[in-house]
């Protein structure tokens, strides 16, 4: 069951990312689209690592490992965002648009959860 949830979230993330990437590329330039993709990748892997760690915590398997992953994950996330934006490796607008893919993924997960509970 947990692997099915991770797979479903990955598919939602992938579809949302592609739609958002095409939209950003259509309305803005290639640099914004590549920055959007960087934000999408960073948020996607962050989300999957968080889900994996929380599943380990709830199953009471490898609690120290899961907590270590969460702490290490946030350190990498904050450092990555700082260096990408501070050293102007990405467009801040495109990067934030890419990070916004998380909102679409969470909305699709909530809709799917609601649909399953109504049936």
N, C-alpha and C. Protein backbone atom coordinates (compact mmCIF):
# COMPACT_ATOMS: atom_id res chain seq x y z
N UNK A 1 0.81 -1.21 0.00
CA UNK A 1 0.00 0.00 0.00
C UNK A 1 0.85 1.27 0.00
N UNK A 2 1.87 1.39 0.88
CA UNK A 2 2.68 2.61 0.87
C UNK A 2 3.40 2.83 -0.46
N UNK A 3 3.86 1.74 -1.10
CA UNK A 3 4.52 1.91 -2.39
C UNK A 3 3.56 2.43 -3.45
N UNK A 4 2.29 2.04 -3.34
CA UNK A 4 1.27 2.54 -4.27
C UNK A 4 1.07 4.04 -4.09
N UNK A 5 1.11 4.50 -2.87
CA UNK A 5 0.94 5.93 -2.59
C UNK A 5 2.12 6.71 -3.15
N UNK A 6 3.32 6.21 -2.92
CA UNK A 6 4.51 6.90 -3.44
C UNK A 6 4.47 6.94 -4.97
N UNK A 7 4.08 5.84 -5.59
CA UNK A 7 3.99 5.80 -7.05
C UNK A 7 2.94 6.79 -7.56
N UNK A 8 1.80 6.84 -6.89
CA UNK A 8 0.74 7.76 -7.30
C UNK A 8 1.19 9.21 -7.16
N UNK A 9 1.86 9.54 -6.07
CA UNK A 9 2.36 10.90 -5.87
C UNK A 9 3.41 11.23 -6.93
N UNK A 10 4.26 10.26 -7.25
CA UNK A 10 5.28 10.49 -8.29
C UNK A 10 4.63 10.77 -9.63
N UNK A 11 3.58 10.02 -9.98
CA UNK A 11 2.89 10.25 -11.26
C UNK A 11 2.23 11.63 -11.27
N UNK A 12 1.56 11.99 -10.17
CA UNK A 12 0.94 13.33 -10.08
C UNK A 12 2.00 14.41 -10.20
N UNK A 13 3.13 14.22 -9.54
CA UNK A 13 4.21 15.20 -9.60
C UNK A 13 4.75 15.31 -11.03
N UNK A 14 4.94 14.18 -11.69
CA UNK A 14 5.47 14.18 -13.04
C UNK A 14 4.52 14.88 -14.01
N UNK A 15 3.24 14.56 -13.95
CA UNK A 15 2.26 15.20 -14.84
C UNK A 15 2.15 16.69 -14.58
N UNK A 16 2.08 17.07 -13.31
CA UNK A 16 1.99 18.50 -12.97
C UNK A 16 3.24 19.24 -13.42
N UNK A 17 4.38 18.61 -13.25
CA UNK A 17 5.64 19.25 -13.65
C UNK A 17 5.69 19.48 -15.15
N UNK A 18 5.26 18.49 -15.91
CA UNK A 18 5.28 18.64 -17.37
C UNK A 18 4.34 19.74 -17.83
N UNK A 19 3.14 19.78 -17.26
CA UNK A 19 2.18 20.82 -17.64
C UNK A 19 2.71 22.20 -17.28
N UNK A 20 3.24 22.34 -16.08
CA UNK A 20 3.77 23.63 -15.65
C UNK A 20 4.99 24.03 -16.47
N UNK A 21 5.85 23.08 -16.78
CA UNK A 21 7.04 23.37 -17.58
C UNK A 21 6.68 23.85 -18.97
N UNK A 22 5.73 23.19 -19.60
CA UNK A 22 5.29 23.61 -20.94
C UNK A 22 4.64 24.99 -20.87
N UNK A 23 3.85 25.25 -19.80
CA UNK A 23 3.23 26.56 -19.65
C UNK A 23 4.25 27.67 -19.46
N UNK A 24 5.24 27.43 -18.63
CA UNK A 24 6.27 28.46 -18.41
C UNK A 24 7.07 28.68 -19.68
N UNK A 25 7.41 27.62 -20.39
CA UNK A 25 8.16 27.77 -21.64
C UNK A 25 7.33 28.50 -22.70
N UNK A 26 6.02 28.28 -22.71
CA UNK A 26 5.16 28.92 -23.70
C UNK A 26 5.05 30.42 -23.48
N UNK A 27 4.95 30.82 -22.22
CA UNK A 27 4.72 32.23 -21.93
C UNK A 27 5.99 33.02 -21.64
N UNK A 28 7.05 32.35 -21.22
CA UNK A 28 8.30 33.04 -20.92
C UNK A 28 9.43 32.39 -21.70
N UNK A 29 10.65 32.56 -21.30
CA UNK A 29 11.77 32.07 -22.11
C UNK A 29 12.33 30.74 -21.58
N UNK A 30 13.36 30.26 -22.26
CA UNK A 30 13.96 28.97 -21.92
C UNK A 30 14.62 29.00 -20.54
N UNK A 31 15.25 30.13 -20.17
CA UNK A 31 15.89 30.22 -18.86
C UNK A 31 14.88 30.05 -17.74
N UNK A 32 13.70 30.67 -17.88
CA UNK A 32 12.65 30.51 -16.87
C UNK A 32 12.15 29.06 -16.83
N UNK A 33 12.05 28.43 -18.01
CA UNK A 33 11.60 27.04 -18.05
C UNK A 33 12.61 26.10 -17.39
N UNK A 34 13.89 26.32 -17.63
CA UNK A 34 14.91 25.49 -16.99
C UNK A 34 14.95 25.74 -15.48
N UNK A 35 14.74 26.99 -15.07
CA UNK A 35 14.68 27.31 -13.65
C UNK A 35 13.46 26.66 -13.01
N UNK A 36 12.36 26.64 -13.75
CA UNK A 36 11.14 25.97 -13.29
C UNK A 36 11.40 24.49 -13.10
N UNK A 37 12.11 23.88 -14.03
CA UNK A 37 12.42 22.46 -13.93
C UNK A 37 13.32 22.19 -12.72
N UNK A 38 14.25 23.09 -12.43
CA UNK A 38 15.12 22.93 -11.26
C UNK A 38 14.28 22.96 -9.98
N UNK A 39 13.33 23.88 -9.90
CA UNK A 39 12.44 23.95 -8.73
C UNK A 39 11.57 22.72 -8.61
N UNK A 40 11.06 22.24 -9.74
CA UNK A 40 10.22 21.04 -9.73
C UNK A 40 11.00 19.81 -9.24
N UNK A 41 12.21 19.66 -9.72
CA UNK A 41 13.03 18.52 -9.32
C UNK A 41 13.37 18.59 -7.84
N UNK A 42 13.75 19.77 -7.38
CA UNK A 42 14.10 19.93 -5.97
C UNK A 42 12.91 19.63 -5.06
N UNK A 43 11.75 20.16 -5.41
CA UNK A 43 10.54 19.92 -4.61
C UNK A 43 10.09 18.46 -4.72
N UNK A 44 10.19 17.88 -5.90
CA UNK A 44 9.77 16.49 -6.08
C UNK A 44 10.57 15.52 -5.24
N UNK A 45 11.89 15.64 -5.30
CA UNK A 45 12.71 14.74 -4.50
C UNK A 45 12.58 15.02 -3.02
N UNK A 46 12.37 16.28 -2.66
CA UNK A 46 12.14 16.63 -1.27
C UNK A 46 10.85 15.98 -0.77
N UNK A 47 9.81 16.03 -1.57
CA UNK A 47 8.52 15.43 -1.20
C UNK A 47 8.63 13.91 -1.07
N UNK A 48 9.29 13.26 -2.01
CA UNK A 48 9.42 11.81 -1.94
C UNK A 48 10.27 11.37 -0.75
N UNK A 49 11.33 12.12 -0.44
CA UNK A 49 12.16 11.80 0.73
C UNK A 49 11.37 11.99 2.02
N UNK A 50 10.55 13.01 2.07
CA UNK A 50 9.73 13.26 3.26
C UNK A 50 8.70 12.15 3.46
N UNK A 51 8.05 11.74 2.39
CA UNK A 51 7.07 10.66 2.48
C UNK A 51 7.74 9.37 2.92
N UNK A 52 8.89 9.06 2.34
CA UNK A 52 9.61 7.85 2.72
C UNK A 52 9.98 7.88 4.20
N UNK A 53 10.48 9.02 4.66
CA UNK A 53 10.90 9.13 6.07
C UNK A 53 9.71 9.00 7.01
N UNK A 54 8.59 9.65 6.70
CA UNK A 54 7.42 9.57 7.58
C UNK A 54 6.85 8.16 7.60
N UNK A 55 6.88 7.46 6.48
CA UNK A 55 6.41 6.08 6.48
C UNK A 55 7.28 5.23 7.40
N UNK A 56 8.57 5.44 7.37
CA UNK A 56 9.47 4.70 8.27
C UNK A 56 9.16 5.02 9.72
N UNK A 57 8.86 6.28 10.02
CA UNK A 57 8.56 6.67 11.40
C UNK A 57 7.25 6.02 11.85
N UNK A 58 6.21 6.06 11.01
CA UNK A 58 4.92 5.49 11.40
C UNK A 58 4.97 3.97 11.52
N UNK A 59 5.83 3.34 10.74
CA UNK A 59 5.97 1.88 10.84
C UNK A 59 6.91 1.46 11.96
N UNK A 60 7.53 2.44 12.61
CA UNK A 60 8.48 2.20 13.70
C UNK A 60 9.69 1.39 13.23
N UNK A 61 10.10 1.62 12.00
CA UNK A 61 11.27 0.95 11.44
C UNK A 61 12.34 2.01 11.22
N UNK A 62 13.49 1.83 11.79
CA UNK A 62 14.61 2.74 11.54
C UNK A 62 14.30 4.18 11.89
N UNK A 63 13.84 4.40 13.10
CA UNK A 63 13.44 5.74 13.52
C UNK A 63 14.60 6.73 13.42
N UNK A 64 15.78 6.32 13.86
CA UNK A 64 16.94 7.22 13.81
C UNK A 64 17.30 7.55 12.37
N UNK A 65 17.22 6.57 11.49
CA UNK A 65 17.52 6.81 10.08
C UNK A 65 16.52 7.79 9.48
N UNK A 66 15.24 7.61 9.77
CA UNK A 66 14.21 8.48 9.21
C UNK A 66 14.38 9.91 9.70
N UNK A 67 14.63 10.08 10.98
CA UNK A 67 14.83 11.43 11.52
C UNK A 67 16.09 12.05 10.91
N UNK A 68 17.13 11.26 10.74
CA UNK A 68 18.35 11.74 10.11
C UNK A 68 18.10 12.18 8.67
N UNK A 69 17.29 11.42 7.96
CA UNK A 69 16.96 11.78 6.58
C UNK A 69 16.21 13.11 6.54
N UNK A 70 15.26 13.29 7.45
CA UNK A 70 14.49 14.54 7.49
C UNK A 70 15.41 15.72 7.76
N UNK A 71 16.27 15.61 8.75
CA UNK A 71 17.18 16.72 9.09
C UNK A 71 18.14 16.99 7.94
N UNK A 72 18.73 15.94 7.40
CA UNK A 72 19.68 16.09 6.31
C UNK A 72 19.00 16.65 5.06
N UNK A 73 17.76 16.23 4.82
CA UNK A 73 17.00 16.68 3.66
C UNK A 73 16.77 18.18 3.71
N UNK A 74 16.39 18.69 4.87
CA UNK A 74 16.17 20.13 4.98
C UNK A 74 17.46 20.92 4.86
N UNK A 75 18.55 20.37 5.36
CA UNK A 75 19.84 21.05 5.20
C UNK A 75 20.21 21.16 3.73
N UNK A 76 20.00 20.08 2.97
CA UNK A 76 20.29 20.10 1.54
C UNK A 76 19.34 21.04 0.82
N UNK A 77 18.07 21.01 1.18
CA UNK A 77 17.08 21.87 0.53
C UNK A 77 17.42 23.35 0.72
N UNK A 78 17.67 23.75 1.94
CA UNK A 78 17.96 25.16 2.22
C UNK A 78 19.26 25.59 1.54
N UNK A 79 20.28 24.76 1.60
CA UNK A 79 21.55 25.09 0.96
C UNK A 79 21.40 25.18 -0.55
N UNK A 80 20.65 24.26 -1.14
CA UNK A 80 20.44 24.28 -2.59
C UNK A 80 19.71 25.53 -3.03
N UNK A 81 18.64 25.87 -2.33
CA UNK A 81 17.88 27.07 -2.68
C UNK A 81 18.75 28.31 -2.55
N UNK A 82 19.52 28.39 -1.47
CA UNK A 82 20.38 29.56 -1.27
C UNK A 82 21.39 29.71 -2.40
N UNK A 83 22.11 28.63 -2.73
CA UNK A 83 23.13 28.74 -3.76
C UNK A 83 22.55 28.96 -5.15
N UNK A 84 21.43 28.33 -5.45
CA UNK A 84 20.83 28.52 -6.78
C UNK A 84 20.37 29.95 -7.00
N UNK A 85 19.77 30.55 -5.98
CA UNK A 85 19.24 31.91 -6.15
C UNK A 85 20.30 32.96 -5.87
N UNK A 86 21.13 32.77 -4.84
CA UNK A 86 22.13 33.78 -4.49
C UNK A 86 23.18 33.95 -5.58
N UNK A 87 23.60 32.86 -6.18
CA UNK A 87 24.61 32.93 -7.23
C UNK A 87 23.98 33.05 -8.62
N UNK A 88 22.70 33.30 -8.67
CA UNK A 88 21.94 33.54 -9.89
C UNK A 88 22.16 32.45 -10.94
N UNK A 89 22.13 31.21 -10.48
CA UNK A 89 22.21 30.08 -11.40
C UNK A 89 20.85 29.82 -12.06
N UNK A 90 19.80 30.27 -11.40
CA UNK A 90 18.45 30.10 -11.93
C UNK A 90 17.71 31.42 -11.83
N UNK A 91 16.68 31.55 -12.62
CA UNK A 91 15.78 32.70 -12.51
C UNK A 91 14.89 32.48 -11.29
N UNK A 92 14.83 33.47 -10.41
CA UNK A 92 14.03 33.32 -9.19
C UNK A 92 12.56 33.10 -9.53
N UNK A 93 12.06 33.78 -10.56
CA UNK A 93 10.67 33.62 -10.96
C UNK A 93 10.39 32.18 -11.40
N UNK A 94 11.20 31.67 -12.31
CA UNK A 94 10.99 30.32 -12.80
C UNK A 94 11.18 29.28 -11.71
N UNK A 95 12.15 29.49 -10.84
CA UNK A 95 12.40 28.55 -9.75
C UNK A 95 11.20 28.50 -8.81
N UNK A 96 10.65 29.64 -8.46
CA UNK A 96 9.49 29.67 -7.57
C UNK A 96 8.25 29.08 -8.25
N UNK A 97 8.13 29.28 -9.55
CA UNK A 97 7.03 28.64 -10.28
C UNK A 97 7.18 27.12 -10.20
N UNK A 98 8.39 26.64 -10.33
CA UNK A 98 8.64 25.20 -10.23
C UNK A 98 8.35 24.66 -8.85
N UNK A 99 8.70 25.44 -7.82
CA UNK A 99 8.40 25.01 -6.45
C UNK A 99 6.90 24.99 -6.21
N UNK A 100 6.16 25.78 -6.96
CA UNK A 100 4.71 25.84 -6.83
C UNK A 100 4.01 24.59 -7.32
N UNK A 101 4.74 23.68 -7.98
CA UNK A 101 4.14 22.43 -8.45
C UNK A 101 3.64 21.62 -7.26
N UNK A 102 4.22 21.84 -6.10
CA UNK A 102 3.81 21.12 -4.90
C UNK A 102 2.33 21.38 -4.58
N UNK A 103 1.86 22.58 -4.84
CA UNK A 103 0.45 22.92 -4.58
C UNK A 103 -0.46 22.06 -5.46
N UNK A 104 -0.11 21.92 -6.74
CA UNK A 104 -0.92 21.12 -7.65
C UNK A 104 -0.92 19.64 -7.25
N UNK A 105 0.24 19.14 -6.85
CA UNK A 105 0.35 17.74 -6.44
C UNK A 105 -0.51 17.48 -5.20
N UNK A 106 -0.42 18.35 -4.22
CA UNK A 106 -1.21 18.18 -3.00
C UNK A 106 -2.71 18.27 -3.29
N UNK A 107 -3.09 19.15 -4.21
CA UNK A 107 -4.51 19.26 -4.58
C UNK A 107 -4.99 17.97 -5.25
N UNK A 108 -4.18 17.39 -6.12
CA UNK A 108 -4.58 16.15 -6.78
C UNK A 108 -4.66 14.99 -5.79
N UNK A 109 -3.73 14.95 -4.84
CA UNK A 109 -3.77 13.90 -3.83
C UNK A 109 -5.01 14.04 -2.96
N UNK A 110 -5.34 15.27 -2.56
CA UNK A 110 -6.53 15.51 -1.74
C UNK A 110 -7.80 15.14 -2.51
N UNK A 111 -7.86 15.48 -3.78
CA UNK A 111 -9.02 15.14 -4.60
C UNK A 111 -9.15 13.62 -4.72
N UNK A 112 -8.05 12.93 -4.96
CA UNK A 112 -8.07 11.48 -5.07
C UNK A 112 -8.49 10.83 -3.75
N UNK A 113 -7.99 11.33 -2.65
CA UNK A 113 -8.35 10.81 -1.32
C UNK A 113 -9.84 11.01 -1.06
N UNK A 114 -10.34 12.20 -1.39
CA UNK A 114 -11.76 12.49 -1.18
C UNK A 114 -12.63 11.58 -2.05
N UNK A 115 -12.19 11.36 -3.30
CA UNK A 115 -12.94 10.50 -4.21
C UNK A 115 -12.98 9.06 -3.71
N UNK A 116 -11.90 8.57 -3.13
CA UNK A 116 -11.87 7.21 -2.61
C UNK A 116 -12.75 7.06 -1.38
N UNK A 117 -12.83 8.07 -0.56
CA UNK A 117 -13.62 7.98 0.66
C UNK A 117 -15.11 8.17 0.44
N UNK A 118 -15.49 8.76 -0.69
CA UNK A 118 -16.91 8.92 -1.01
C UNK A 118 -17.47 7.59 -1.51
N UNK A 119 -16.68 6.86 -2.29
CA UNK A 119 -17.15 5.60 -2.89
C UNK A 119 -17.46 4.56 -1.87
